[in-house]
Amino acid sequence: MDVDRIKLVNIPADALRKNEAGYLVTNATVNPRDEDVTVAAGHLESANVSAINEMVSSIALNRQFEAQIKMMKAAEDLATAGNRLIRGS
């Protein structure tokens, strides 16, 4: 019993573009089926993300977050010191 089938198409590289999510898409609403296209068993498809670049980006974001937390703590300490000066204690 077939539930559904995957339509294999051959889209020219110049017809593809990346959308906001990073997926390759085409502007064509219907892509014609190509009988010459096959699925090769035992082959691996490469990922569309680089683990190293994502890890470096994550570390950079973490460092920015830590710097902002330190700035907020420093601002809180300055406000506390200013309040003590105003109160005269």
PDB file of N, CA and C in Angstrom:
ATOM      1  N   MET A   1       0.840  -1.171   0.000  1.00  0.00           N
ATOM      2  CA  MET A   1       0.000   0.000   0.000  1.00  0.00           C
ATOM      3  C   MET A   1       0.894   1.246   0.000  1.00  0.00           C
ATOM      4  N   ASP A   2       0.756   2.088  -1.001  1.00  0.00           N
ATOM      5  CA  ASP A   2       1.501   3.342  -1.081  1.00  0.00           C
ATOM      6  C   ASP A   2       0.746   4.427  -0.325  1.00  0.00           C
ATOM      7  N   VAL A   3       1.454   5.117   0.546  1.00  0.00           N
ATOM      8  CA  VAL A   3       0.857   6.254   1.239  1.00  0.00           C
ATOM      9  C   VAL A   3       1.062   7.501   0.397  1.00  0.00           C
ATOM     10  N   ASP A   4       2.262   7.664  -0.077  1.00  0.00           N
ATOM     11  CA  ASP A   4       2.578   8.800  -0.940  1.00  0.00           C
ATOM     12  C   ASP A   4       3.918   8.524  -1.597  1.00  0.00           C
ATOM     13  N   ARG A   5       4.288   9.355  -2.538  1.00  0.00           N
ATOM     14  CA  ARG A   5       5.554   9.208  -3.239  1.00  0.00           C
ATOM     15  C   ARG A   5       6.284  10.537  -3.228  1.00  0.00           C
ATOM     16  N   ILE A   6       7.595  10.448  -3.322  1.00  0.00           N
ATOM     17  CA  ILE A   6       8.418  11.651  -3.427  1.00  0.00           C
ATOM     18  C   ILE A   6       8.616  11.951  -4.898  1.00  0.00           C
ATOM     19  N   LYS A   7       8.299  13.182  -5.281  1.00  0.00           N
ATOM     20  CA  LYS A   7       8.502  13.575  -6.677  1.00  0.00           C
ATOM     21  C   LYS A   7       9.945  14.040  -6.839  1.00  0.00           C
ATOM     22  N   LEU A   8      10.669  13.413  -7.758  1.00  0.00           N
ATOM     23  CA  LEU A   8      12.053  13.776  -8.028  1.00  0.00           C
ATOM     24  C   LEU A   8      12.089  14.745  -9.196  1.00  0.00           C
ATOM     25  N   VAL A   9      12.714  15.893  -8.964  1.00  0.00           N
ATOM     26  CA  VAL A   9      12.788  16.937  -9.985  1.00  0.00           C
ATOM     27  C   VAL A   9      14.241  17.342 -10.174  1.00  0.00           C
ATOM     28  N   ASN A  10      14.519  17.975 -11.301  1.00  0.00           N
ATOM     29  CA  ASN A  10      15.849  18.489 -11.597  1.00  0.00           C
ATOM     30  C   ASN A  10      15.715  19.990 -11.813  1.00  0.00           C
ATOM     31  N   ILE A  11      16.100  20.760 -10.810  1.00  0.00           N
ATOM     32  CA  ILE A  11      15.960  22.215 -10.869  1.00  0.00           C
ATOM     33  C   ILE A  11      17.329  22.817 -11.161  1.00  0.00           C
ATOM     34  N   PRO A  12      17.428  23.683 -12.157  1.00  0.00           N
ATOM     35  CA  PRO A  12      18.714  24.327 -12.457  1.00  0.00           C
ATOM     36  C   PRO A  12      19.201  25.150 -11.259  1.00  0.00           C
ATOM     37  N   ALA A  13      20.496  25.172 -11.049  1.00  0.00           N
ATOM     38  CA  ALA A  13      21.070  25.872  -9.893  1.00  0.00           C
ATOM     39  C   ALA A  13      20.726  27.355  -9.891  1.00  0.00           C
ATOM     40  N   ASP A  14      20.640  27.974 -11.068  1.00  0.00           N
ATOM     41  CA  ASP A  14      20.345  29.410 -11.114  1.00  0.00           C
ATOM     42  C   ASP A  14      18.889  29.717 -10.774  1.00  0.00           C
ATOM     43  N   ALA A  15      18.028  28.701 -10.709  1.00  0.00           N
ATOM     44  CA  ALA A  15      16.624  28.908 -10.348  1.00  0.00           C
ATOM     45  C   ALA A  15      16.404  28.787  -8.842  1.00  0.00           C
ATOM     46  N   LEU A  16      17.443  28.392  -8.107  1.00  0.00           N
ATOM     47  CA  LEU A  16      17.324  28.227  -6.660  1.00  0.00           C
ATOM     48  C   LEU A  16      17.810  29.467  -5.930  1.00  0.00           C
ATOM     49  N   ARG A  17      17.187  29.741  -4.794  1.00  0.00           N
ATOM     50  CA  ARG A  17      17.619  30.828  -3.911  1.00  0.00           C
ATOM     51  C   ARG A  17      17.343  30.398  -2.480  1.00  0.00           C
ATOM     52  N   LYS A  18      18.031  31.024  -1.527  1.00  0.00           N
ATOM     53  CA  LYS A  18      17.802  30.713  -0.113  1.00  0.00           C
ATOM     54  C   LYS A  18      16.746  31.656   0.442  1.00  0.00           C
ATOM     55  N   ASN A  19      15.800  31.102   1.202  1.00  0.00           N
ATOM     56  CA  ASN A  19      14.799  31.947   1.845  1.00  0.00           C
ATOM     57  C   ASN A  19      15.303  32.395   3.213  1.00  0.00           C
ATOM     58  N   GLU A  20      14.445  33.068   3.995  1.00  0.00           N
ATOM     59  CA  GLU A  20      14.842  33.616   5.284  1.00  0.00           C
ATOM     60  C   GLU A  20      15.279  32.531   6.262  1.00  0.00           C
ATOM     61  N   ALA A  21      14.717  31.342   6.134  1.00  0.00           N
ATOM     62  CA  ALA A  21      15.054  30.232   7.033  1.00  0.00           C
ATOM     63  C   ALA A  21      16.314  29.494   6.584  1.00  0.00           C
ATOM     64  N   GLY A  22      16.869  29.849   5.428  1.00  0.00           N
ATOM     65  CA  GLY A  22      18.070  29.201   4.928  1.00  0.00           C
ATOM     66  C   GLY A  22      17.816  28.009   4.027  1.00  0.00           C
ATOM     67  N   TYR A  23      16.540  27.749   3.707  1.00  0.00           N
ATOM     68  CA  TYR A  23      16.210  26.633   2.825  1.00  0.00           C
ATOM     69  C   TYR A  23      16.331  27.050   1.366  1.00  0.00           C
ATOM     70  N   LEU A  24      16.710  26.105   0.504  1.00  0.00           N
ATOM     71  CA  LEU A  24      16.746  26.371  -0.931  1.00  0.00           C
ATOM     72  C   LEU A  24      15.338  26.246  -1.478  1.00  0.00           C
ATOM     73  N   VAL A  25      14.883  27.286  -2.158  1.00  0.00           N
ATOM     74  CA  VAL A  25      13.542  27.293  -2.740  1.00  0.00           C
ATOM     75  C   VAL A  25      13.626  27.785  -4.176  1.00  0.00           C
ATOM     76  N   THR A  26      12.561  27.531  -4.913  1.00  0.00           N
ATOM     77  CA  THR A  26      12.460  28.010  -6.287  1.00  0.00           C
ATOM     78  C   THR A  26      11.196  28.840  -6.411  1.00  0.00           C
ATOM     79  N   ASN A  27      11.173  29.739  -7.368  1.00  0.00           N
ATOM     80  CA  ASN A  27       9.997  30.578  -7.569  1.00  0.00           C
ATOM     81  C   ASN A  27       8.891  29.854  -8.321  1.00  0.00           C
ATOM     82  N   ALA A  28       9.229  28.754  -8.971  1.00  0.00           N
ATOM     83  CA  ALA A  28       8.233  28.015  -9.750  1.00  0.00           C
ATOM     84  C   ALA A  28       7.209  27.385  -8.812  1.00  0.00           C
ATOM     85  N   THR A  29       5.944  27.478  -9.183  1.00  0.00           N
ATOM     86  CA  THR A  29       4.901  26.871  -8.356  1.00  0.00           C
ATOM     87  C   THR A  29       4.836  25.368  -8.576  1.00  0.00           C
ATOM     88  N   VAL A  30       5.114  24.915  -9.794  1.00  0.00           N
ATOM     89  CA  VAL A  30       5.109  23.485 -10.101  1.00  0.00           C
ATOM     90  C   VAL A  30       6.408  23.151 -10.818  1.00  0.00           C
ATOM     91  N   ASN A  31       7.137  22.203 -10.280  1.00  0.00           N
ATOM     92  CA  ASN A  31       8.368  21.751 -10.918  1.00  0.00           C
ATOM     93  C   ASN A  31       8.084  20.425 -11.605  1.00  0.00           C
ATOM     94  N   PRO A  32       8.438  20.301 -12.877  1.00  0.00           N
ATOM     95  CA  PRO A  32       8.127  19.061 -13.603  1.00  0.00           C
ATOM     96  C   PRO A  32       8.945  17.882 -13.088  1.00  0.00           C
ATOM     97  N   ARG A  33       8.351  16.728 -13.131  1.00  0.00           N
ATOM     98  CA  ARG A  33       9.006  15.491 -12.718  1.00  0.00           C
ATOM     99  C   ARG A  33      10.084  15.127 -13.736  1.00  0.00           C
ATOM    100  N   ASP A  34      11.217  14.613 -13.241  1.00  0.00           N
ATOM    101  CA  ASP A  34      12.315  14.224 -14.121  1.00  0.00           C
ATOM    102  C   ASP A  34      12.610  12.746 -13.900  1.00  0.00           C
ATOM    103  N   GLU A  35      12.425  11.945 -14.935  1.00  0.00           N
ATOM    104  CA  GLU A  35      12.630  10.495 -14.841  1.00  0.00           C
ATOM    105  C   GLU A  35      14.106  10.122 -14.707  1.00  0.00           C
ATOM    106  N   ASP A  36      15.016  11.036 -15.090  1.00  0.00           N
ATOM    107  CA  ASP A  36      16.449  10.744 -15.029  1.00  0.00           C
ATOM    108  C   ASP A  36      17.037  10.916 -13.627  1.00  0.00           C
ATOM    109  N   VAL A  37      16.308  11.567 -12.736  1.00  0.00           N
ATOM    110  CA  VAL A  37      16.793  11.798 -11.373  1.00  0.00           C
ATOM    111  C   VAL A  37      16.537  10.549 -10.541  1.00  0.00           C
ATOM    112  N   THR A  38      17.560  10.131  -9.772  1.00  0.00           N
ATOM    113  CA  THR A  38      17.421   8.940  -8.928  1.00  0.00           C
ATOM    114  C   THR A  38      17.896   9.242  -7.512  1.00  0.00           C
ATOM    115  N   VAL A  39      17.512   8.381  -6.597  1.00  0.00           N
ATOM    116  CA  VAL A  39      17.984   8.457  -5.220  1.00  0.00           C
ATOM    117  C   VAL A  39      19.043   7.383  -5.054  1.00  0.00           C
ATOM    118  N   ALA A  40      20.221   7.773  -4.579  1.00  0.00           N
ATOM    119  CA  ALA A  40      21.327   6.826  -4.425  1.00  0.00           C
ATOM    120  C   ALA A  40      21.319   6.267  -3.003  1.00  0.00           C
ATOM    121  N   ALA A  41      21.160   4.978  -2.881  1.00  0.00           N
ATOM    122  CA  ALA A  41      21.150   4.333  -1.567  1.00  0.00           C
ATOM    123  C   ALA A  41      22.556   4.306  -0.980  1.00  0.00           C
ATOM    124  N   GLY A  42      22.647   4.506   0.320  1.00  0.00           N
ATOM    125  CA  GLY A  42      23.932   4.432   0.999  1.00  0.00           C
ATOM    126  C   GLY A  42      24.743   5.713   0.957  1.00  0.00           C
ATOM    127  N   HIS A  43      24.224   6.763   0.364  1.00  0.00           N
ATOM    128  CA  HIS A  43      24.939   8.032   0.304  1.00  0.00           C
ATOM    129  C   HIS A  43      24.408   8.959   1.388  1.00  0.00           C
ATOM    130  N   LEU A  44      25.287   9.782   1.926  1.00  0.00           N
ATOM    131  CA  LEU A  44      24.902  10.726   2.964  1.00  0.00           C
ATOM    132  C   LEU A  44      24.762  12.120   2.382  1.00  0.00           C
ATOM    133  N   GLU A  45      23.744  12.816   2.826  1.00  0.00           N
ATOM    134  CA  GLU A  45      23.558  14.204   2.422  1.00  0.00           C
ATOM    135  C   GLU A  45      24.224  15.083   3.465  1.00  0.00           C
ATOM    136  N   SER A  46      24.927  16.097   3.024  1.00  0.00           N
ATOM    137  CA  SER A  46      25.593  16.976   3.983  1.00  0.00           C
ATOM    138  C   SER A  46      24.595  17.971   4.566  1.00  0.00           C
ATOM    139  N   ALA A  47      24.876  18.426   5.763  1.00  0.00           N
ATOM    140  CA  ALA A  47      23.999  19.377   6.435  1.00  0.00           C
ATOM    141  C   ALA A  47      24.160  20.758   5.817  1.00  0.00           C
ATOM    142  N   ASN A  48      23.132  21.592   5.983  1.00  0.00           N
ATOM    143  CA  ASN A  48      23.194  22.949   5.444  1.00  0.00           C
ATOM    144  C   ASN A  48      23.666  23.950   6.502  1.00  0.00           C
ATOM    145  N   VAL A  49      24.200  23.444   7.624  1.00  0.00           N
ATOM    146  CA  VAL A  49      24.765  24.309   8.658  1.00  0.00           C
ATOM    147  C   VAL A  49      26.163  23.814   9.010  1.00  0.00           C
ATOM    148  N   SER A  50      26.967  24.722   9.469  1.00  0.00           N
ATOM    149  CA  SER A  50      28.319  24.375   9.905  1.00  0.00           C
ATOM    150  C   SER A  50      28.329  24.342  11.434  1.00  0.00           C
ATOM    151  N   ALA A  51      28.598  23.192  12.000  1.00  0.00           N
ATOM    152  CA  ALA A  51      28.594  23.052  13.456  1.00  0.00           C
ATOM    153  C   ALA A  51      29.623  23.973  14.103  1.00  0.00           C
ATOM    154  N   ILE A  52      30.776  24.121  13.472  1.00  0.00           N
ATOM    155  CA  ILE A  52      31.832  24.971  14.043  1.00  0.00           C
ATOM    156  C   ILE A  52      31.400  26.431  14.043  1.00  0.00           C
ATOM    157  N   ASN A  53      30.844  26.907  12.926  1.00  0.00           N
ATOM    158  CA  ASN A  53      30.388  28.299  12.866  1.00  0.00           C
ATOM    159  C   ASN A  53      29.279  28.560  13.877  1.00  0.00           C
ATOM    160  N   GLU A  54      28.367  27.622  14.036  1.00  0.00           N
ATOM    161  CA  GLU A  54      27.280  27.788  14.995  1.00  0.00           C
ATOM    162  C   GLU A  54      27.811  27.796  16.426  1.00  0.00           C
ATOM    163  N   MET A  55      28.812  26.975  16.716  1.00  0.00           N
ATOM    164  CA  MET A  55      29.400  26.945  18.057  1.00  0.00           C
ATOM    165  C   MET A  55      30.120  28.256  18.349  1.00  0.00           C
ATOM    166  N   VAL A  56      30.874  28.766  17.384  1.00  0.00           N
ATOM    167  CA  VAL A  56      31.575  30.045  17.563  1.00  0.00           C
ATOM    168  C   VAL A  56      30.565  31.166  17.772  1.00  0.00           C
ATOM    169  N   SER A  57      29.492  31.152  17.014  1.00  0.00           N
ATOM    170  CA  SER A  57      28.444  32.158  17.159  1.00  0.00           C
ATOM    171  C   SER A  57      27.791  32.072  18.536  1.00  0.00           C
ATOM    172  N   SER A  58      27.554  30.863  18.996  1.00  0.00           N
ATOM    173  CA  SER A  58      26.953  30.662  20.319  1.00  0.00           C
ATOM    174  C   SER A  58      27.873  31.168  21.425  1.00  0.00           C
ATOM    175  N   ILE A  59      29.163  30.909  21.307  1.00  0.00           N
ATOM    176  CA  ILE A  59      30.127  31.384  22.306  1.00  0.00           C
ATOM    177  C   ILE A  59      30.177  32.910  22.306  1.00  0.00           C
ATOM    178  N   ALA A  60      30.165  33.522  21.125  1.00  0.00           N
ATOM    179  CA  ALA A  60      30.193  34.985  21.029  1.00  0.00           C
ATOM    180  C   ALA A  60      28.947  35.592  21.673  1.00  0.00           C
ATOM    181  N   LEU A  61      27.784  34.993  21.423  1.00  0.00           N
ATOM    182  CA  LEU A  61      26.553  35.492  22.041  1.00  0.00           C
ATOM    183  C   LEU A  61      26.599  35.344  23.554  1.00  0.00           C
ATOM    184  N   ASN A  62      27.148  34.244  24.035  1.00  0.00           N
ATOM    185  CA  ASN A  62      27.271  34.030  25.476  1.00  0.00           C
ATOM    186  C   ASN A  62      28.180  35.081  26.106  1.00  0.00           C
ATOM    187  N   ARG A  63      29.273  35.417  25.432  1.00  0.00           N
ATOM    188  CA  ARG A  63      30.192  36.443  25.953  1.00  0.00           C
ATOM    189  C   ARG A  63      29.521  37.813  25.976  1.00  0.00           C
ATOM    190  N   GLN A  64      28.744  38.128  24.943  1.00  0.00           N
ATOM    191  CA  GLN A  64      28.013  39.400  24.928  1.00  0.00           C
ATOM    192  C   GLN A  64      27.020  39.459  26.083  1.00  0.00           C
ATOM    193  N   PHE A  65      26.320  38.353  26.318  1.00  0.00           N
ATOM    194  CA  PHE A  65      25.354  38.291  27.408  1.00  0.00           C
ATOM    195  C   PHE A  65      26.045  38.521  28.749  1.00  0.00           C
ATOM    196  N   GLU A  66      27.182  37.853  28.971  1.00  0.00           N
ATOM    197  CA  GLU A  66      27.918  38.015  30.224  1.00  0.00           C
ATOM    198  C   GLU A  66      28.387  39.457  30.405  1.00  0.00           C
ATOM    199  N   ALA A  67      28.840  40.103  29.327  1.00  0.00           N
ATOM    200  CA  ALA A  67      29.285  41.495  29.406  1.00  0.00           C
ATOM    201  C   ALA A  67      28.118  42.410  29.770  1.00  0.00           C
ATOM    202  N   GLN A  68      26.949  42.149  29.206  1.00  0.00           N
ATOM    203  CA  GLN A  68      25.781  42.971  29.527  1.00  0.00           C
ATOM    204  C   GLN A  68      25.348  42.775  30.978  1.00  0.00           C
ATOM    205  N   ILE A  69      25.440  41.554  31.486  1.00  0.00           N
ATOM    206  CA  ILE A  69      25.107  41.296  32.888  1.00  0.00           C
ATOM    207  C   ILE A  69      26.073  42.051  33.802  1.00  0.00           C
ATOM    208  N   LYS A  70      27.370  42.062  33.455  1.00  0.00           N
ATOM    209  CA  LYS A  70      28.357  42.797  34.256  1.00  0.00           C
ATOM    210  C   LYS A  70      28.062  44.294  34.241  1.00  0.00           C
ATOM    211  N   MET A  71      27.649  44.822  33.071  1.00  0.00           N
ATOM    212  CA  MET A  71      27.312  46.243  32.981  1.00  0.00           C
ATOM    213  C   MET A  71      26.092  46.565  33.839  1.00  0.00           C
ATOM    214  N   MET A  72      25.107  45.686  33.839  1.00  0.00           N
ATOM    215  CA  MET A  72      23.916  45.905  34.660  1.00  0.00           C
ATOM    216  C   MET A  72      24.275  45.879  36.146  1.00  0.00           C
ATOM    217  N   LYS A  73      25.165  44.988  36.548  1.00  0.00           N
ATOM    218  CA  LYS A  73      25.616  44.908  37.942  1.00  0.00           C
ATOM    219  C   LYS A  73      26.370  46.178  38.319  1.00  0.00           C
ATOM    220  N   ALA A  74      27.236  46.660  37.418  1.00  0.00           N
ATOM    221  CA  ALA A  74      27.985  47.890  37.684  1.00  0.00           C
ATOM    222  C   ALA A  74      27.036  49.076  37.815  1.00  0.00           C
ATOM    223  N   ALA A  75      26.008  49.150  36.960  1.00  0.00           N
ATOM    224  CA  ALA A  75      25.030  50.236  37.042  1.00  0.00           C
ATOM    225  C   ALA A  75      24.264  50.163  38.361  1.00  0.00           C
ATOM    226  N   GLU A  76      23.930  48.961  38.795  1.00  0.00           N
ATOM    227  CA  GLU A  76      23.230  48.792  40.073  1.00  0.00           C
ATOM    228  C   GLU A  76      24.124  49.232  41.235  1.00  0.00           C
ATOM    229  N   ASP A  77      25.411  48.872  41.179  1.00  0.00           N
ATOM    230  CA  ASP A  77      26.349  49.282  42.231  1.00  0.00           C
ATOM    231  C   ASP A  77      26.503  50.799  42.266  1.00  0.00           C
ATOM    232  N   LEU A  78      26.570  51.442  41.100  1.00  0.00           N
ATOM    233  CA  LEU A  78      26.665  52.908  41.041  1.00  0.00           C
ATOM    234  C   LEU A  78      25.410  53.563  41.601  1.00  0.00           C
ATOM    235  N   ALA A  79      24.253  53.016  41.289  1.00  0.00           N
ATOM    236  CA  ALA A  79      22.999  53.566  41.804  1.00  0.00           C
ATOM    237  C   ALA A  79      22.941  53.431  43.322  1.00  0.00           C
ATOM    238  N   THR A  80      23.389  52.301  43.839  1.00  0.00           N
ATOM    239  CA  THR A  80      23.408  52.094  45.290  1.00  0.00           C
ATOM    240  C   THR A  80      24.367  53.078  45.957  1.00  0.00           C
ATOM    241  N   ALA A  81      25.543  53.264  45.373  1.00  0.00           N
ATOM    242  CA  ALA A  81      26.516  54.217  45.924  1.00  0.00           C
ATOM    243  C   ALA A  81      25.972  55.641  45.863  1.00  0.00           C
ATOM    244  N   GLY A  82      25.302  55.999  44.788  1.00  0.00           N
ATOM    245  CA  GLY A  82      24.709  57.329  44.665  1.00  0.00           C
ATOM    246  C   GLY A  82      23.624  57.552  45.699  1.00  0.00           C
ATOM    247  N   ASN A  83      22.819  56.543  45.941  1.00  0.00           N
ATOM    248  CA  ASN A  83      21.773  56.657  46.961  1.00  0.00           C
ATOM    249  C   ASN A  83      22.378  56.843  48.350  1.00  0.00           C
ATOM    250  N   ARG A  84      23.495  56.146  48.635  1.00  0.00           N
ATOM    251  CA  ARG A  84      24.165  56.304  49.929  1.00  0.00           C
ATOM    252  C   ARG A  84      24.711  57.724  50.090  1.00  0.00           C
ATOM    253  N   LEU A  85      25.254  58.294  48.997  1.00  0.00           N
ATOM    254  CA  LEU A  85      25.780  59.666  49.063  1.00  0.00           C
ATOM    255  C   LEU A  85      24.668  60.665  49.337  1.00  0.00           C
ATOM    256  N   ILE A  86      23.525  60.455  48.682  1.00  0.00           N
ATOM    257  CA  ILE A  86      22.405  61.383  48.861  1.00  0.00           C
ATOM    258  C   ILE A  86      21.880  61.302  50.293  1.00  0.00           C
ATOM    259  N   ARG A  87      21.797  60.108  50.843  1.00  0.00           N
ATOM    260  CA  ARG A  87      21.302  59.922  52.208  1.00  0.00           C
ATOM    261  C   ARG A  87      22.332  60.375  53.241  1.00  0.00           C
ATOM    262  N   GLY A  88      23.576  60.448  52.837  1.00  0.00           N
ATOM    263  CA  GLY A  88      24.626  60.898  53.748  1.00  0.00           C
ATOM    264  C   GLY A  88      25.112  59.827  54.699  1.00  0.00           C
ATOM    265  N   SER A  89      24.947  58.586  54.326  1.00  0.00           N
ATOM    266  CA  SER A  89      25.413  57.538  55.236  1.00  0.00           C
ATOM    267  C   SER A  89      26.625  56.842  54.710  1.00  0.00           C
TER     268      SER A  89
END
